[in-house]
Amino acid sequence: ALLSARQTEDEDGEEARPRTLDSALRRLPNANLAAISIPGEYAGAEALRALHRNVNVFLFSDNVPVATEIALKREALKRNLLCMGPDCGTAYLNGKGLGFFNVVMRGRVGCVAASGTGLQAVASRLAALGEGISQGIGVGGRDLSADVGGMMTLASLTMLADDPSTEAIVLIS
């Protein structure tokens, strides 16, 4: 009973956090990004649920089968959405860091990265040079594999080319 009871407030009297994507979208109907960090065997279903609701996905989870990754990225492309990951550790979207990220200023450089640590290294080096990140899109380590075919890398490069705040693009692989 304790686990299934609906909670309306937390211990501090604040409104409880939603337990499902649909309840979160009812509270925030304009939300356009879901961050997913659950065991890989379940992550694909949750990511697909988000994509079917026209929500971009930051898929932090690893151990997602490559066939699932391909299906998720195809669905994202069909809907003109991002599916960052699986195993996406870092991203910067519209000045907000996701996952493990360094706090850096906004700037003119857009990045597409297979590795979160690579994206962090480039963002930090750019910051040391006085430059910032317009967008940093993590695609996951397998995106450029022959199986996945660079689907999100190519889509991200197109998005950055169309982004008025991006003047230079760095591909990190």
Protein backbone atom coordinates (compact mmCIF):
# COMPACT_ATOMS: atom_id res chain seq x y z
CA ALA A 1 0.00 0.00 0.00
CA LEU A 2 2.85 2.37 0.80
CA LEU A 3 4.42 1.92 -2.65
CA SER A 4 1.19 2.26 -4.60
CA ALA A 5 -0.31 5.17 -2.65
CA ARG A 6 -0.61 8.40 -4.60
CA GLN A 7 1.47 11.12 -3.10
CA THR A 8 0.28 14.71 -3.53
CA GLU A 9 2.95 16.40 -1.40
CA ASP A 10 6.49 15.55 -0.39
CA GLU A 11 7.86 15.78 3.16
CA ASP A 12 8.40 19.56 2.86
CA GLY A 13 4.82 20.22 1.76
CA GLU A 14 5.81 20.83 -1.85
CA GLU A 15 3.85 19.29 -4.68
CA ALA A 16 5.12 15.76 -5.34
CA ARG A 17 7.05 15.03 -8.51
CA PRO A 18 5.25 13.13 -11.26
CA ARG A 19 5.90 9.39 -11.48
CA THR A 20 5.25 8.94 -15.21
CA LEU A 21 5.96 10.79 -18.43
CA ASP A 22 2.27 11.38 -19.03
CA SER A 23 1.73 12.89 -15.58
CA ALA A 24 4.78 15.12 -16.11
CA LEU A 25 3.44 16.27 -19.48
CA ARG A 26 0.08 17.07 -17.89
CA ARG A 27 1.90 19.38 -15.48
CA LEU A 28 4.26 20.76 -18.12
CA PRO A 29 2.41 20.50 -21.43
CA ASN A 30 5.09 22.50 -23.27
CA ALA A 31 7.97 20.28 -22.12
CA ASN A 32 10.09 19.19 -25.06
CA LEU A 33 12.85 17.08 -23.50
CA ALA A 34 12.89 13.89 -21.45
CA ALA A 35 16.06 12.82 -19.63
CA ILE A 36 16.05 9.05 -19.24
CA SER A 37 18.40 7.24 -16.87
CA ILE A 38 17.11 3.77 -16.07
CA PRO A 39 18.45 0.27 -16.76
CA GLY A 40 19.07 -0.27 -20.47
CA GLU A 41 16.56 -3.09 -20.84
CA TYR A 42 13.75 -0.63 -19.96
CA ALA A 43 15.21 2.57 -21.40
CA GLY A 44 14.19 1.93 -25.00
CA ALA A 45 10.50 1.66 -24.15
CA GLU A 46 10.59 4.90 -22.15
CA ALA A 47 12.50 6.72 -24.87
CA LEU A 48 10.03 5.51 -27.50
CA ARG A 49 7.15 6.68 -25.30
CA ALA A 50 8.71 10.16 -25.16
CA LEU A 51 9.31 10.27 -28.91
CA HIS A 52 5.71 9.23 -29.58
CA ARG A 53 4.67 12.29 -27.55
CA ASN A 54 6.96 14.50 -29.68
CA VAL A 55 9.49 14.98 -26.89
CA ASN A 56 13.24 15.02 -27.56
CA VAL A 57 15.24 12.39 -25.66
CA PHE A 58 18.45 12.65 -23.64
CA LEU A 59 19.14 8.94 -23.12
CA PHE A 60 21.75 8.66 -20.38
CA SER A 61 21.14 4.91 -19.99
CA ASP A 62 23.65 2.43 -21.34
CA ASN A 63 23.27 -1.25 -22.24
CA VAL A 64 20.52 -0.42 -24.74
CA PRO A 65 20.61 -2.95 -27.60
CA VAL A 66 21.88 -1.52 -30.89
CA ALA A 67 18.66 -2.58 -32.67
CA THR A 68 16.70 -0.52 -30.14
CA GLU A 69 19.01 2.46 -30.68
CA ILE A 70 18.47 2.26 -34.43
CA ALA A 71 14.68 2.09 -34.01
CA LEU A 72 14.68 5.05 -31.59
CA LYS A 73 16.82 7.20 -33.85
CA ARG A 74 14.69 6.39 -36.89
CA GLU A 75 11.57 7.39 -34.93
CA ALA A 76 13.25 10.61 -33.80
CA LEU A 77 14.25 11.50 -37.36
CA LYS A 78 10.73 10.79 -38.60
CA ARG A 79 9.46 13.33 -36.06
CA ASN A 80 12.32 15.85 -36.46
CA LEU A 81 13.42 15.22 -32.88
CA LEU A 82 16.71 14.46 -31.18
CA CYS A 83 17.47 11.11 -29.63
CA MET A 84 20.74 11.82 -27.83
CA GLY A 85 22.34 8.55 -26.79
CA PRO A 86 22.05 5.90 -25.56
CA ASP A 87 24.96 6.34 -23.21
CA CYS A 88 24.81 10.09 -23.73
CA GLY A 89 26.59 11.68 -20.79
CA THR A 90 26.68 15.36 -21.71
CA ALA A 91 24.76 17.89 -23.77
CA TYR A 92 24.29 21.66 -23.86
CA LEU A 93 20.97 22.86 -25.26
CA ASN A 94 20.01 26.52 -25.31
CA GLY A 95 22.43 27.36 -22.52
CA LYS A 96 21.46 24.46 -20.23
CA GLY A 97 23.78 21.59 -19.43
CA LEU A 98 22.47 18.04 -19.25
CA GLY A 99 24.06 15.01 -17.58
CA PHE A 100 27.64 15.55 -16.47
CA PHE A 101 28.68 18.96 -17.77
CA ASN A 102 31.01 21.84 -17.12
CA VAL A 103 29.51 25.26 -16.58
CA VAL A 104 30.60 27.27 -19.61
CA MET A 105 29.35 30.43 -21.26
CA ARG A 106 27.18 30.50 -24.33
CA GLY A 107 28.95 31.28 -27.52
CA ARG A 108 29.26 30.67 -31.24
CA VAL A 109 30.56 27.09 -31.35
CA GLY A 110 28.19 24.19 -31.87
CA CYS A 111 29.41 20.70 -31.06
CA VAL A 112 28.26 17.22 -32.00
CA ALA A 113 29.91 14.62 -29.81
CA ALA A 114 29.97 10.86 -29.50
CA SER A 115 31.60 11.17 -26.08
CA GLY A 116 30.43 13.24 -23.12
CA THR A 117 33.98 13.55 -21.83
CA GLY A 118 35.10 14.70 -25.27
CA LEU A 119 32.37 17.34 -25.33
CA GLN A 120 33.34 18.48 -21.84
CA ALA A 121 37.01 18.71 -22.83
CA VAL A 122 36.23 20.81 -25.91
CA ALA A 123 33.76 23.03 -24.02
CA SER A 124 36.31 23.61 -21.24
CA ARG A 125 39.11 24.37 -23.70
CA LEU A 126 36.88 26.79 -25.61
CA ALA A 127 35.96 28.48 -22.32
CA ALA A 128 39.66 28.85 -21.46
CA LEU A 129 40.09 30.61 -24.81
CA GLY A 130 37.17 32.96 -24.05
CA GLU A 131 34.67 31.23 -26.33
CA GLY A 132 31.40 29.46 -25.54
CA ILE A 133 29.03 26.79 -26.75
CA SER A 134 25.91 27.57 -28.78
CA GLN A 135 24.68 23.96 -28.57
CA GLY A 136 26.42 20.72 -27.65
CA ILE A 137 24.59 17.65 -28.90
CA GLY A 138 25.65 14.25 -27.58
CA VAL A 139 24.83 11.40 -29.94
CA GLY A 140 26.23 8.40 -28.06
CA GLY A 141 29.29 6.33 -28.79
CA ARG A 142 27.71 4.01 -31.37
CA ASP A 143 26.07 6.64 -33.56
CA LEU A 144 28.94 6.66 -36.07
CA SER A 145 29.13 2.87 -36.22
CA ALA A 146 28.28 1.11 -39.47
CA ASP A 147 25.11 -0.31 -37.88
CA VAL A 148 23.68 3.03 -36.74
CA GLY A 149 25.06 4.97 -39.70
CA GLY A 150 25.55 8.37 -38.03
CA MET A 151 21.82 9.13 -38.04
CA MET A 152 21.88 11.60 -35.14
CA THR A 153 25.26 13.00 -36.09
CA LEU A 154 23.98 13.99 -39.53
CA ALA A 155 20.71 15.35 -38.12
CA SER A 156 22.60 17.31 -35.46
CA LEU A 157 24.98 18.81 -38.02
CA THR A 158 21.96 19.97 -40.04
CA MET A 159 20.34 21.45 -36.92
CA LEU A 160 23.51 23.32 -36.03
CA ALA A 161 23.88 24.60 -39.59
CA ASP A 162 20.37 26.04 -39.28
CA ASP A 163 20.95 27.47 -35.78
CA PRO A 164 21.45 31.26 -35.99
CA SER A 165 23.59 31.26 -32.81
CA THR A 166 26.08 28.75 -34.27
CA GLU A 167 28.93 30.14 -36.37
CA ALA A 168 31.36 27.21 -36.19
CA ILE A 169 30.80 23.48 -35.75
CA VAL A 170 33.08 20.94 -34.08
CA LEU A 171 32.54 17.21 -34.56
CA ILE A 172 33.97 15.18 -31.67
CA SER A 173 34.37 11.45 -32.20
